[in-house]
Amino acid sequence: MVKKRLIAIVDDEPDILKLYQDFFTKIKGISIFTFTDPLMALEHFRMNKNEYVLVISDLRMPNLDRLELVKLIKDLNHLVRTILMTAFAIKDDLFQEYLREEIINDILQEPILLPDLYDQVRKQLRMYYKLKRL
């Protein structure tokens, strides 16, 4: 039996989470978990870190420093892929460092077209499975 892999989507807007969750149900072998609270997402990730393949998060979230979530996630499982979404231009040295070190695997500018997000998710899933085989 093939184990389902997990994707977390973290955003403080429940309507956005519902839209993304409904959209990604067509990816076979994946279970989608959505969180409006990054601390809850982090706790779920800690309990299931080996089953996660991807975390998609809004960059600006309450309760956690804007880049801290992805750093903590990568510290727990360096193979998991991360995508940050933002409507803002980012001119931050730490952000640039995280991109270079692949703590952040990609960034998407909002508003995001669903087909573009889907393509990016598929790309990150392929990269995860490629890294997993190495």
Protein backbone atom coordinates (compact mmCIF):
# COMPACT_ATOMS: atom_id res chain seq x y z
CA MET A 1 0.00 0.00 0.00
CA VAL A 2 1.36 3.41 -1.01
CA LYS A 3 1.40 5.92 1.80
CA LYS A 4 -0.22 9.29 1.15
CA ARG A 5 2.08 12.27 1.21
CA LEU A 6 1.08 15.50 2.93
CA ILE A 7 0.94 19.10 1.79
CA ALA A 8 0.26 21.94 4.22
CA ILE A 9 -1.20 25.24 3.08
CA VAL A 10 -0.89 28.05 5.61
CA ASP A 11 -2.79 31.30 5.14
CA ASP A 12 -4.75 33.54 7.47
CA GLU A 13 -7.65 33.76 5.01
CA PRO A 14 -9.99 30.73 5.29
CA ASP A 15 -11.55 31.41 1.86
CA ILE A 16 -8.15 31.16 0.19
CA LEU A 17 -7.42 27.93 2.04
CA LYS A 18 -10.71 26.39 0.91
CA LEU A 19 -10.05 27.40 -2.70
CA TYR A 20 -6.55 25.89 -2.67
CA GLN A 21 -7.67 22.74 -0.87
CA ASP A 22 -10.47 22.12 -3.38
CA PHE A 23 -8.13 22.82 -6.28
CA PHE A 24 -5.42 20.39 -5.16
CA THR A 25 -7.69 17.43 -4.45
CA LYS A 26 -7.02 16.26 -8.01
CA ILE A 27 -3.39 15.37 -7.20
CA LYS A 28 -3.41 11.64 -6.49
CA GLY A 29 -1.54 10.33 -3.47
CA ILE A 30 -1.60 13.68 -1.67
CA SER A 31 -3.53 14.76 1.40
CA ILE A 32 -3.99 18.49 1.89
CA PHE A 33 -4.00 20.07 5.34
CA THR A 34 -4.88 23.73 5.75
CA PHE A 35 -4.05 26.02 8.64
CA THR A 36 -4.90 29.60 9.49
CA ASP A 37 -2.45 29.50 12.40
CA PRO A 38 1.23 28.87 11.56
CA LEU A 39 1.88 27.50 15.05
CA MET A 40 -0.75 24.79 14.52
CA ALA A 41 0.77 24.06 11.12
CA LEU A 42 4.19 23.71 12.71
CA GLU A 43 2.85 21.35 15.38
CA HIS A 44 1.16 19.16 12.75
CA PHE A 45 4.36 19.18 10.73
CA ARG A 46 6.38 18.10 13.79
CA MET A 47 4.06 15.13 14.34
CA ASN A 48 4.13 14.13 10.64
CA LYS A 49 7.45 15.49 9.39
CA ASN A 50 8.40 12.38 7.44
CA GLU A 51 5.12 12.30 5.51
CA TYR A 52 5.25 15.94 4.38
CA VAL A 53 6.47 16.77 0.91
CA LEU A 54 5.49 20.43 0.60
CA VAL A 55 4.50 23.44 2.69
CA ILE A 56 2.91 26.46 1.01
CA SER A 57 2.64 29.53 3.20
CA ASP A 58 1.65 33.13 3.00
CA LEU A 59 4.67 35.21 3.91
CA ARG A 60 2.81 37.53 6.27
CA MET A 61 1.22 35.51 9.02
CA PRO A 62 0.30 36.30 12.62
CA ASN A 63 1.93 34.53 15.59
CA LEU A 64 5.23 33.68 13.91
CA ASP A 65 8.06 35.68 12.36
CA ARG A 66 7.57 35.88 8.62
CA LEU A 67 10.41 33.50 7.73
CA GLU A 68 10.59 31.48 10.91
CA LEU A 69 8.02 28.88 9.85
CA VAL A 70 9.97 27.71 6.80
CA LYS A 71 13.26 27.69 8.72
CA LEU A 72 11.77 25.54 11.50
CA ILE A 73 10.22 23.20 8.94
CA LYS A 74 13.49 22.75 7.05
CA ASP A 75 15.30 22.11 10.34
CA LEU A 76 12.87 19.25 11.00
CA ASN A 77 12.98 17.78 7.48
CA HIS A 78 15.46 19.21 4.99
CA LEU A 79 13.83 17.39 2.05
CA VAL A 80 10.43 19.04 2.37
CA ARG A 81 9.81 21.69 -0.28
CA THR A 82 8.61 25.18 0.60
CA ILE A 83 6.75 27.83 -1.36
CA LEU A 84 6.05 31.28 0.00
CA MET A 85 3.31 33.50 -1.36
CA THR A 86 3.28 37.27 -1.00
CA ALA A 87 1.72 40.36 -2.49
CA PHE A 88 4.70 42.46 -1.41
CA ALA A 89 8.15 43.09 -2.86
CA ILE A 90 10.79 41.61 -0.60
CA LYS A 91 14.06 43.41 -0.01
CA ASP A 92 15.27 41.50 2.98
CA ASP A 93 18.77 40.04 3.42
CA LEU A 94 17.55 37.05 5.43
CA PHE A 95 14.94 36.27 2.78
CA GLN A 96 17.62 36.34 0.06
CA GLU A 97 19.86 34.11 2.17
CA TYR A 98 17.02 31.60 2.64
CA LEU A 99 16.47 31.52 -1.12
CA ARG A 100 20.17 30.87 -1.76
CA GLU A 101 20.29 28.13 0.89
CA GLU A 102 17.04 26.60 -0.45
CA ILE A 103 15.24 27.01 2.85
CA ILE A 104 12.71 28.75 0.62
CA ASN A 105 12.36 26.77 -2.59
CA ASP A 106 10.17 29.23 -4.45
CA ILE A 107 8.19 32.42 -4.09
CA LEU A 108 4.95 33.27 -5.84
CA GLN A 109 3.64 36.81 -6.18
CA GLU A 110 -0.02 37.32 -5.28
CA PRO A 111 -2.50 37.39 -6.81
CA ILE A 112 -1.69 33.87 -7.95
CA LEU A 113 -3.38 32.19 -10.86
CA LEU A 114 -4.41 28.66 -9.90
CA PRO A 115 -2.79 27.05 -12.97
CA ASP A 116 0.52 28.75 -12.08
CA LEU A 117 0.28 27.53 -8.49
CA TYR A 118 -0.57 24.03 -9.71
CA ASP A 119 2.46 24.01 -12.02
CA GLN A 120 4.72 25.14 -9.20
CA VAL A 121 3.35 22.49 -6.84
CA ARG A 122 3.93 19.77 -9.44
CA LYS A 123 7.48 21.08 -9.99
CA GLN A 124 8.22 21.01 -6.26
CA LEU A 125 6.76 17.52 -5.89
CA ARG A 126 8.98 16.25 -8.72
CA MET A 127 12.00 17.86 -7.01
CA TYR A 128 11.07 16.28 -3.66
CA TYR A 129 10.88 12.79 -5.18
CA LYS A 130 14.11 13.32 -7.06
CA LEU A 131 15.91 14.37 -3.84
CA LYS A 132 14.32 11.51 -1.91
CA ARG A 133 15.88 8.99 -4.34
CA LEU A 134 19.40 10.42 -3.91
